[in-house]
Amino acid sequence: MSGTDKELSYAQQLEQQLDALIEWAIANQPHKLSKLSRDDFNEARGLFCTIAKGGGSLLEQEPEPSEGGAQYINDNPAPWP
C-alpha cells in the first residue's frame, strides 16, 4: 500500500468513525428539548478533515508573536504546594 493509499484509507476511516460518533451523540443526547442535528457538527467535521488531509494539529496553527500570538506560553505545571 503506497503512502497516498494509506492517507486515503486513514481519511476514510476517520470520516466513518466521526459519522458514527455524531450519530451516537444525536441519538443519546440527554437534553430532549434542544435536539442536536448533523449540522451542529459541521465545524468539528471541518477540523477533522483538515487534520486528516495532513493539515497538522490545532497547536501548530497558533499565530507567531509577530502575528499577534503569545510571546511566551508556560507549558510547565506548577509544583504541588
Protein backbone atom coordinates (compact mmCIF):
# COMPACT_ATOMS: atom_id res chain seq x y z
CA MET A 1 0.00 0.00 0.00
CA SER A 2 1.52 3.32 -1.06
CA GLY A 3 1.65 6.45 1.07
CA THR A 4 -1.25 8.01 -0.84
CA ASP A 5 -3.37 4.89 -0.38
CA LYS A 6 -2.62 4.89 3.36
CA GLU A 7 -3.56 8.56 3.64
CA LEU A 8 -6.81 8.00 1.75
CA SER A 9 -7.64 4.96 3.87
CA TYR A 10 -6.89 6.94 7.04
CA ALA A 11 -9.10 9.84 5.94
CA GLN A 12 -11.96 7.49 5.02
CA GLN A 13 -11.72 5.60 8.29
CA LEU A 14 -11.60 8.87 10.26
CA GLU A 15 -14.72 10.09 8.45
CA GLN A 16 -16.56 6.82 9.19
CA GLN A 17 -15.63 6.96 12.87
CA LEU A 18 -16.67 10.61 13.09
CA ASP A 19 -20.02 9.83 11.43
CA ALA A 20 -20.61 7.02 13.94
CA LEU A 21 -19.76 9.33 16.85
CA ILE A 22 -22.07 12.07 15.54
CA GLU A 23 -24.93 9.59 15.14
CA TRP A 24 -24.33 8.31 18.68
CA ALA A 25 -24.26 11.86 20.09
CA ILE A 26 -27.55 12.73 18.38
CA ALA A 27 -29.26 9.52 19.48
CA ASN A 28 -28.08 9.69 23.10
CA GLN A 29 -28.37 13.39 23.86
CA PRO A 30 -29.86 13.73 27.38
CA HIS A 31 -31.47 17.13 26.70
CA LYS A 32 -34.51 16.21 24.63
CA LEU A 33 -35.80 19.80 24.46
CA SER A 34 -32.86 21.02 22.38
CA LYS A 35 -32.37 18.47 19.62
CA LEU A 36 -28.95 18.07 18.02
CA SER A 37 -28.63 17.77 14.27
CA ARG A 38 -25.81 16.79 11.91
CA ASP A 39 -25.43 20.49 11.06
CA ASP A 40 -24.37 21.17 14.65
CA PHE A 41 -21.18 19.23 13.96
CA ASN A 42 -20.09 20.93 10.71
CA GLU A 43 -17.31 22.96 12.33
CA ALA A 44 -15.88 19.88 14.07
CA ARG A 45 -16.12 17.90 10.83
CA GLY A 46 -14.13 20.61 9.04
CA LEU A 47 -11.39 20.49 11.67
CA PHE A 48 -11.18 16.70 11.43
CA CYS A 49 -10.98 16.91 7.63
CA THR A 50 -8.12 19.39 7.88
CA ILE A 51 -6.24 17.09 10.22
CA ALA A 52 -6.96 14.02 8.06
CA LYS A 53 -5.58 15.78 4.99
CA GLY A 54 -2.30 16.42 6.78
CA GLY A 55 -3.11 19.92 7.99
CA GLY A 56 -1.45 19.19 11.31
CA SER A 57 -2.74 19.60 14.79
CA LEU A 58 -4.53 22.66 16.08
CA LEU A 59 -1.50 23.51 18.23
CA GLU A 60 0.58 24.12 15.12
CA GLN A 61 -1.87 26.77 13.94
CA GLU A 62 -1.13 29.21 16.76
CA PRO A 63 -0.02 32.60 15.42
CA GLU A 64 3.59 33.62 15.77
CA PRO A 65 4.43 36.50 18.17
CA SER A 66 4.98 38.78 15.17
CA GLU A 67 1.42 37.97 14.09
CA GLY A 68 -0.11 38.83 17.47
CA GLY A 69 0.43 35.48 19.16
CA ALA A 70 1.74 34.95 22.67
CA GLN A 71 5.46 35.58 23.19
CA TYR A 72 5.68 33.03 25.99
CA ILE A 73 3.49 30.05 26.78
CA ASN A 74 4.23 28.34 30.09
CA ASP A 75 3.69 24.66 29.49
CA ASN A 76 5.19 23.56 32.80
CA PRO A 77 2.66 22.78 35.51
CA ALA A 78 3.03 24.46 38.87
CA PRO A 79 4.57 22.25 41.55
CA TRP A 80 2.45 20.83 44.35
CA PRO A 81 2.44 23.01 47.47
